[in-house]
Amino acid sequence: MQPAYNHEIERMHEAVSQIVFVTGGYLRDMAQLSDPRSFTIIVEPLVGRITNVRNFGDHYAIVLSGGDDVPVDVVRHAYLHFLLDPLPLRYPHVIAVKRPLFQKAAAAPRLAPDLKDDYPSYFAECTVRAVELKLKRMSPGERDAALERDDADGYVLVRPLSMLYQSSKAQILPWTYFSRTWFALWM
């Protein structure tokens, strides 16, 4: 069995490394080895064509099945959560200003049920979606359609977050610096 695992790991390594490199480079924030938080990718060819993402506190794991293609969007989304989930918890006093928007959005019928009662997770999901819009390299029409879908699904903070982060000043600053000043500017 070990040769099958090794083959799948080798086959996926380049694609997954590219996702991590591009995402970390875009945010200008790479994971540090000294950080107690972890992001683990487990390759398990025996699970079939299933991708499973879990996080337990500060430990994130994604199980990839092998198969034909690496699910780029799923891996990127999970890695963005790993990088961005701490922000709402780091700045709770600042994001509290947008709670009235969340209370309206929580009534959206298509909003994921686990986000309806969890404002920090909702804010993190909106932040992840806003960054994904830039990383996916969509045309303006596709981006507008994605923003409309997000609004209809209850992710009403995606539009202002993506507009703020796409400003020219934000794009030249490292994410760690930007995240400290960003919330104060946005609120």
C-alpha atoms as a PDB file:
ATOM      1  CA  MET A   1       0.000   0.000   0.000  1.00  0.00           C
ATOM      2  CA  GLN A   2       2.842   2.433   0.774  1.00  0.00           C
ATOM      3  CA  PRO A   3       3.803   2.839  -2.924  1.00  0.00           C
ATOM      4  CA  ALA A   4       0.204   3.887  -3.710  1.00  0.00           C
ATOM      5  CA  TYR A   5       0.313   6.525  -0.959  1.00  0.00           C
ATOM      6  CA  ASN A   6       3.722   7.781  -2.052  1.00  0.00           C
ATOM      7  CA  HIS A   7       2.541   8.058  -5.649  1.00  0.00           C
ATOM      8  CA  GLU A   8      -0.522  10.120  -4.646  1.00  0.00           C
ATOM      9  CA  ILE A   9       1.542  12.367  -2.376  1.00  0.00           C
ATOM     10  CA  GLU A  10       4.073  13.034  -5.137  1.00  0.00           C
ATOM     11  CA  ARG A  11       1.317  13.674  -7.655  1.00  0.00           C
ATOM     12  CA  MET A  12      -0.470  16.213  -5.411  1.00  0.00           C
ATOM     13  CA  HIS A  13       2.577  17.894  -3.923  1.00  0.00           C
ATOM     14  CA  GLU A  14       3.129  20.483  -6.659  1.00  0.00           C
ATOM     15  CA  ALA A  15      -0.526  21.562  -6.896  1.00  0.00           C
ATOM     16  CA  VAL A  16      -0.959  21.877  -3.124  1.00  0.00           C
ATOM     17  CA  SER A  17       2.376  23.685  -2.734  1.00  0.00           C
ATOM     18  CA  GLN A  18       1.306  26.151  -5.425  1.00  0.00           C
ATOM     19  CA  ILE A  19      -1.983  26.847  -3.616  1.00  0.00           C
ATOM     20  CA  VAL A  20      -0.185  27.485  -0.320  1.00  0.00           C
ATOM     21  CA  PHE A  21       2.504  29.616  -1.965  1.00  0.00           C
ATOM     22  CA  VAL A  22       0.111  31.790  -3.992  1.00  0.00           C
ATOM     23  CA  THR A  23      -2.355  32.238  -1.133  1.00  0.00           C
ATOM     24  CA  GLY A  24       0.336  33.048   1.406  1.00  0.00           C
ATOM     25  CA  GLY A  25       2.066  35.326  -1.083  1.00  0.00           C
ATOM     26  CA  TYR A  26      -1.119  37.211  -1.874  1.00  0.00           C
ATOM     27  CA  LEU A  27      -1.795  37.820   1.807  1.00  0.00           C
ATOM     28  CA  ARG A  28       1.947  38.297   2.424  1.00  0.00           C
ATOM     29  CA  ASP A  29       1.547  36.022   5.410  1.00  0.00           C
ATOM     30  CA  MET A  30       3.223  32.636   5.501  1.00  0.00           C
ATOM     31  CA  ALA A  31       2.669  30.096   8.244  1.00  0.00           C
ATOM     32  CA  GLN A  32       5.486  30.071  10.775  1.00  0.00           C
ATOM     33  CA  LEU A  33       7.036  26.858  12.045  1.00  0.00           C
ATOM     34  CA  SER A  34       7.036  28.281  15.571  1.00  0.00           C
ATOM     35  CA  ASP A  35       3.269  28.915  15.412  1.00  0.00           C
ATOM     36  CA  PRO A  36       1.298  26.460  17.582  1.00  0.00           C
ATOM     37  CA  ARG A  37      -1.470  26.477  14.956  1.00  0.00           C
ATOM     38  CA  SER A  38      -1.278  23.748  12.298  1.00  0.00           C
ATOM     39  CA  PHE A  39      -2.620  23.025   8.829  1.00  0.00           C
ATOM     40  CA  THR A  40      -2.270  19.363   7.876  1.00  0.00           C
ATOM     41  CA  ILE A  41      -3.037  17.745   4.538  1.00  0.00           C
ATOM     42  CA  ILE A  42      -3.673  14.028   4.684  1.00  0.00           C
ATOM     43  CA  VAL A  43      -3.663  11.990   1.484  1.00  0.00           C
ATOM     44  CA  GLU A  44      -5.838   8.904   1.801  1.00  0.00           C
ATOM     45  CA  PRO A  45      -6.447   7.132  -1.534  1.00  0.00           C
ATOM     46  CA  LEU A  46      -8.841   4.638   0.067  1.00  0.00           C
ATOM     47  CA  VAL A  47     -11.585   7.181   0.888  1.00  0.00           C
ATOM     48  CA  GLY A  48     -12.758   7.452  -2.707  1.00  0.00           C
ATOM     49  CA  ARG A  49     -13.430  10.836  -4.297  1.00  0.00           C
ATOM     50  CA  ILE A  50     -14.152  12.613  -1.021  1.00  0.00           C
ATOM     51  CA  THR A  51     -12.493  15.728   0.357  1.00  0.00           C
ATOM     52  CA  ASN A  52     -13.053  16.356   4.037  1.00  0.00           C
ATOM     53  CA  VAL A  53     -12.050  19.512   5.938  1.00  0.00           C
ATOM     54  CA  ARG A  54     -12.047  19.781   9.729  1.00  0.00           C
ATOM     55  CA  ASN A  55     -10.684  22.138  12.306  1.00  0.00           C
ATOM     56  CA  PHE A  56     -10.308  21.501  15.988  1.00  0.00           C
ATOM     57  CA  GLY A  57      -9.408  24.766  17.662  1.00  0.00           C
ATOM     58  CA  ASP A  58      -6.164  25.894  16.068  1.00  0.00           C
ATOM     59  CA  HIS A  59      -5.556  22.625  14.227  1.00  0.00           C
ATOM     60  CA  TYR A  60      -6.869  22.397  10.674  1.00  0.00           C
ATOM     61  CA  ALA A  61      -6.864  19.208   8.619  1.00  0.00           C
ATOM     62  CA  ILE A  62      -7.950  18.343   5.111  1.00  0.00           C
ATOM     63  CA  VAL A  63      -8.225  14.777   3.835  1.00  0.00           C
ATOM     64  CA  LEU A  64      -7.699  14.444   0.092  1.00  0.00           C
ATOM     65  CA  SER A  65      -8.657  11.257  -1.676  1.00  0.00           C
ATOM     66  CA  GLY A  66      -6.138  11.255  -4.439  1.00  0.00           C
ATOM     67  CA  GLY A  67      -8.098  10.775  -7.632  1.00  0.00           C
ATOM     68  CA  ASP A  68      -7.577  12.735 -10.825  1.00  0.00           C
ATOM     69  CA  ASP A  69      -7.423  16.395  -9.795  1.00  0.00           C
ATOM     70  CA  VAL A  70      -6.639  18.281  -6.620  1.00  0.00           C
ATOM     71  CA  PRO A  71      -9.778  20.215  -5.553  1.00  0.00           C
ATOM     72  CA  VAL A  72      -8.009  23.580  -5.783  1.00  0.00           C
ATOM     73  CA  ASP A  73     -10.966  25.663  -4.581  1.00  0.00           C
ATOM     74  CA  VAL A  74     -11.532  23.453  -1.527  1.00  0.00           C
ATOM     75  CA  VAL A  75      -7.856  23.403  -0.528  1.00  0.00           C
ATOM     76  CA  ARG A  76      -7.555  27.181  -1.031  1.00  0.00           C
ATOM     77  CA  HIS A  77     -10.729  27.827   0.983  1.00  0.00           C
ATOM     78  CA  ALA A  78      -9.482  25.639   3.853  1.00  0.00           C
ATOM     79  CA  TYR A  79      -6.048  27.275   3.848  1.00  0.00           C
ATOM     80  CA  LEU A  80      -7.583  30.754   3.798  1.00  0.00           C
ATOM     81  CA  HIS A  81      -9.656  29.802   6.834  1.00  0.00           C
ATOM     82  CA  PHE A  82      -6.466  28.668   8.548  1.00  0.00           C
ATOM     83  CA  LEU A  83      -4.850  32.054   7.862  1.00  0.00           C
ATOM     84  CA  LEU A  84      -7.879  34.320   8.398  1.00  0.00           C
ATOM     85  CA  ASP A  85     -10.013  32.693  11.117  1.00  0.00           C
ATOM     86  CA  PRO A  86      -8.012  34.303  13.953  1.00  0.00           C
ATOM     87  CA  LEU A  87      -8.805  37.863  12.786  1.00  0.00           C
ATOM     88  CA  PRO A  88     -12.335  38.228  14.208  1.00  0.00           C
ATOM     89  CA  LEU A  89     -11.136  36.745  17.494  1.00  0.00           C
ATOM     90  CA  ARG A  90      -8.120  39.063  17.554  1.00  0.00           C
ATOM     91  CA  TYR A  91     -10.259  42.192  16.951  1.00  0.00           C
ATOM     92  CA  PRO A  92     -13.672  41.490  18.547  1.00  0.00           C
ATOM     93  CA  HIS A  93     -14.199  45.087  19.661  1.00  0.00           C
ATOM     94  CA  VAL A  94     -13.769  46.325  16.103  1.00  0.00           C
ATOM     95  CA  ILE A  95     -15.960  43.815  14.260  1.00  0.00           C
ATOM     96  CA  ALA A  96     -18.731  44.312  16.837  1.00  0.00           C
ATOM     97  CA  VAL A  97     -19.676  47.470  14.909  1.00  0.00           C
ATOM     98  CA  LYS A  98     -20.965  45.328  12.004  1.00  0.00           C
ATOM     99  CA  ARG A  99     -23.113  43.057  14.205  1.00  0.00           C
ATOM    100  CA  PRO A 100     -26.393  44.740  13.043  1.00  0.00           C
ATOM    101  CA  LEU A 101     -25.596  43.648   9.473  1.00  0.00           C
ATOM    102  CA  PHE A 102     -24.988  40.122  10.728  1.00  0.00           C
ATOM    103  CA  GLN A 103     -28.331  40.079  12.525  1.00  0.00           C
ATOM    104  CA  LYS A 104     -30.083  40.911   9.241  1.00  0.00           C
ATOM    105  CA  ALA A 105     -27.955  38.426   7.289  1.00  0.00           C
ATOM    106  CA  ALA A 106     -28.685  35.637   9.794  1.00  0.00           C
ATOM    107  CA  ALA A 107     -32.286  35.666   8.583  1.00  0.00           C
ATOM    108  CA  ALA A 108     -31.216  34.729   5.037  1.00  0.00           C
ATOM    109  CA  PRO A 109     -32.687  31.309   4.258  1.00  0.00           C
ATOM    110  CA  ARG A 110     -29.610  30.137   2.314  1.00  0.00           C
ATOM    111  CA  LEU A 111     -27.061  31.097   4.969  1.00  0.00           C
ATOM    112  CA  ALA A 112     -25.320  28.035   6.405  1.00  0.00           C
ATOM    113  CA  PRO A 113     -27.113  27.131   9.663  1.00  0.00           C
ATOM    114  CA  ASP A 114     -23.896  26.878  11.683  1.00  0.00           C
ATOM    115  CA  LEU A 115     -23.087  30.537  10.853  1.00  0.00           C
ATOM    116  CA  LYS A 116     -26.455  31.972  11.945  1.00  0.00           C
ATOM    117  CA  ASP A 117     -25.464  32.002  15.628  1.00  0.00           C
ATOM    118  CA  ASP A 118     -21.700  32.464  15.318  1.00  0.00           C
ATOM    119  CA  TYR A 119     -20.703  36.010  14.388  1.00  0.00           C
ATOM    120  CA  PRO A 120     -16.897  35.496  14.450  1.00  0.00           C
ATOM    121  CA  SER A 121     -17.210  32.478  12.128  1.00  0.00           C
ATOM    122  CA  TYR A 122     -19.600  34.400   9.868  1.00  0.00           C
ATOM    123  CA  PHE A 123     -17.154  37.304   9.658  1.00  0.00           C
ATOM    124  CA  ALA A 124     -14.261  34.924   8.938  1.00  0.00           C
ATOM    125  CA  GLU A 125     -16.269  33.217   6.169  1.00  0.00           C
ATOM    126  CA  CYS A 126     -17.055  36.580   4.572  1.00  0.00           C
ATOM    127  CA  THR A 127     -13.374  37.550   4.762  1.00  0.00           C
ATOM    128  CA  VAL A 128     -12.323  34.255   3.156  1.00  0.00           C
ATOM    129  CA  ARG A 129     -14.864  34.700   0.353  1.00  0.00           C
ATOM    130  CA  ALA A 130     -13.681  38.275  -0.255  1.00  0.00           C
ATOM    131  CA  VAL A 131     -10.058  37.161  -0.633  1.00  0.00           C
ATOM    132  CA  GLU A 132     -11.103  34.234  -2.841  1.00  0.00           C
ATOM    133  CA  LEU A 133     -12.730  36.635  -5.291  1.00  0.00           C
ATOM    134  CA  LYS A 134      -9.324  38.125  -5.981  1.00  0.00           C
ATOM    135  CA  LEU A 135      -7.421  34.836  -6.014  1.00  0.00           C
ATOM    136  CA  LYS A 136      -9.789  33.156  -8.478  1.00  0.00           C
ATOM    137  CA  ARG A 137      -8.951  35.684 -11.210  1.00  0.00           C
ATOM    138  CA  MET A 138     -12.520  36.151 -12.333  1.00  0.00           C
ATOM    139  CA  SER A 139     -13.712  38.505 -15.014  1.00  0.00           C
ATOM    140  CA  PRO A 140     -15.611  41.570 -13.744  1.00  0.00           C
ATOM    141  CA  GLY A 141     -18.886  39.940 -14.796  1.00  0.00           C
ATOM    142  CA  GLU A 142     -18.095  36.718 -12.962  1.00  0.00           C
ATOM    143  CA  ARG A 143     -17.020  38.687  -9.880  1.00  0.00           C
ATOM    144  CA  ASP A 144     -20.275  40.681  -9.914  1.00  0.00           C
ATOM    145  CA  ALA A 145     -22.288  37.473 -10.243  1.00  0.00           C
ATOM    146  CA  ALA A 146     -20.371  35.915  -7.323  1.00  0.00           C
ATOM    147  CA  LEU A 147     -21.001  39.020  -5.199  1.00  0.00           C
ATOM    148  CA  GLU A 148     -24.704  38.884  -6.052  1.00  0.00           C
ATOM    149  CA  ARG A 149     -24.803  35.206  -5.020  1.00  0.00           C
ATOM    150  CA  ASP A 150     -23.019  36.000  -1.774  1.00  0.00           C
ATOM    151  CA  ASP A 151     -25.472  38.821  -1.032  1.00  0.00           C
ATOM    152  CA  ALA A 152     -28.461  36.567  -1.779  1.00  0.00           C
ATOM    153  CA  ASP A 153     -27.005  33.788   0.390  1.00  0.00           C
ATOM    154  CA  GLY A 154     -26.609  36.155   3.345  1.00  0.00           C
ATOM    155  CA  TYR A 155     -22.866  36.845   3.090  1.00  0.00           C
ATOM    156  CA  VAL A 156     -23.471  40.599   2.915  1.00  0.00           C
ATOM    157  CA  LEU A 157     -20.042  41.555   4.257  1.00  0.00           C
ATOM    158  CA  VAL A 158     -18.199  40.002   1.295  1.00  0.00           C
ATOM    159  CA  ARG A 159     -18.824  42.984  -0.983  1.00  0.00           C
ATOM    160  CA  PRO A 160     -17.501  45.711   1.348  1.00  0.00           C
ATOM    161  CA  LEU A 161     -14.584  43.530   2.485  1.00  0.00           C
ATOM    162  CA  SER A 162     -13.534  42.755  -1.090  1.00  0.00           C
ATOM    163  CA  MET A 163     -13.836  46.391  -2.124  1.00  0.00           C
ATOM    164  CA  LEU A 164     -11.758  47.513   0.824  1.00  0.00           C
ATOM    165  CA  TYR A 165      -9.034  44.922   0.333  1.00  0.00           C
ATOM    166  CA  GLN A 166      -8.823  45.598  -3.408  1.00  0.00           C
ATOM    167  CA  SER A 167      -7.945  49.230  -2.785  1.00  0.00           C
ATOM    168  CA  SER A 168      -4.450  50.019  -4.029  1.00  0.00           C
ATOM    169  CA  LYS A 169      -3.076  50.845  -0.565  1.00  0.00           C
ATOM    170  CA  ALA A 170      -4.226  47.539   0.867  1.00  0.00           C
ATOM    171  CA  GLN A 171      -2.605  45.512  -1.909  1.00  0.00           C
ATOM    172  CA  ILE A 172       0.894  46.818  -1.221  1.00  0.00           C
ATOM    173  CA  LEU A 173       0.798  46.199   2.522  1.00  0.00           C
ATOM    174  CA  PRO A 174       1.481  42.822   4.112  1.00  0.00           C
ATOM    175  CA  TRP A 175      -1.659  41.179   5.439  1.00  0.00           C
ATOM    176  CA  THR A 176      -0.363  41.207   9.016  1.00  0.00           C
ATOM    177  CA  TYR A 177       0.001  44.996   8.884  1.00  0.00           C
ATOM    178  CA  PHE A 178      -3.170  45.429   6.860  1.00  0.00           C
ATOM    179  CA  SER A 179      -5.293  43.383   9.255  1.00  0.00           C
ATOM    180  CA  ARG A 180      -4.267  45.609  12.174  1.00  0.00           C
ATOM    181  CA  THR A 181      -5.167  48.872  10.446  1.00  0.00           C
ATOM    182  CA  TRP A 182      -7.846  47.543   8.118  1.00  0.00           C
ATOM    183  CA  PHE A 183     -10.561  47.023  10.683  1.00  0.00           C
ATOM    184  CA  ALA A 184     -10.065  50.500  12.136  1.00  0.00           C
ATOM    185  CA  LEU A 185     -10.336  52.045   8.659  1.00  0.00           C
ATOM    186  CA  TRP A 186     -13.354  49.974   7.669  1.00  0.00           C
ATOM    187  CA  MET A 187     -15.351  50.507  10.802  1.00  0.00           C
END
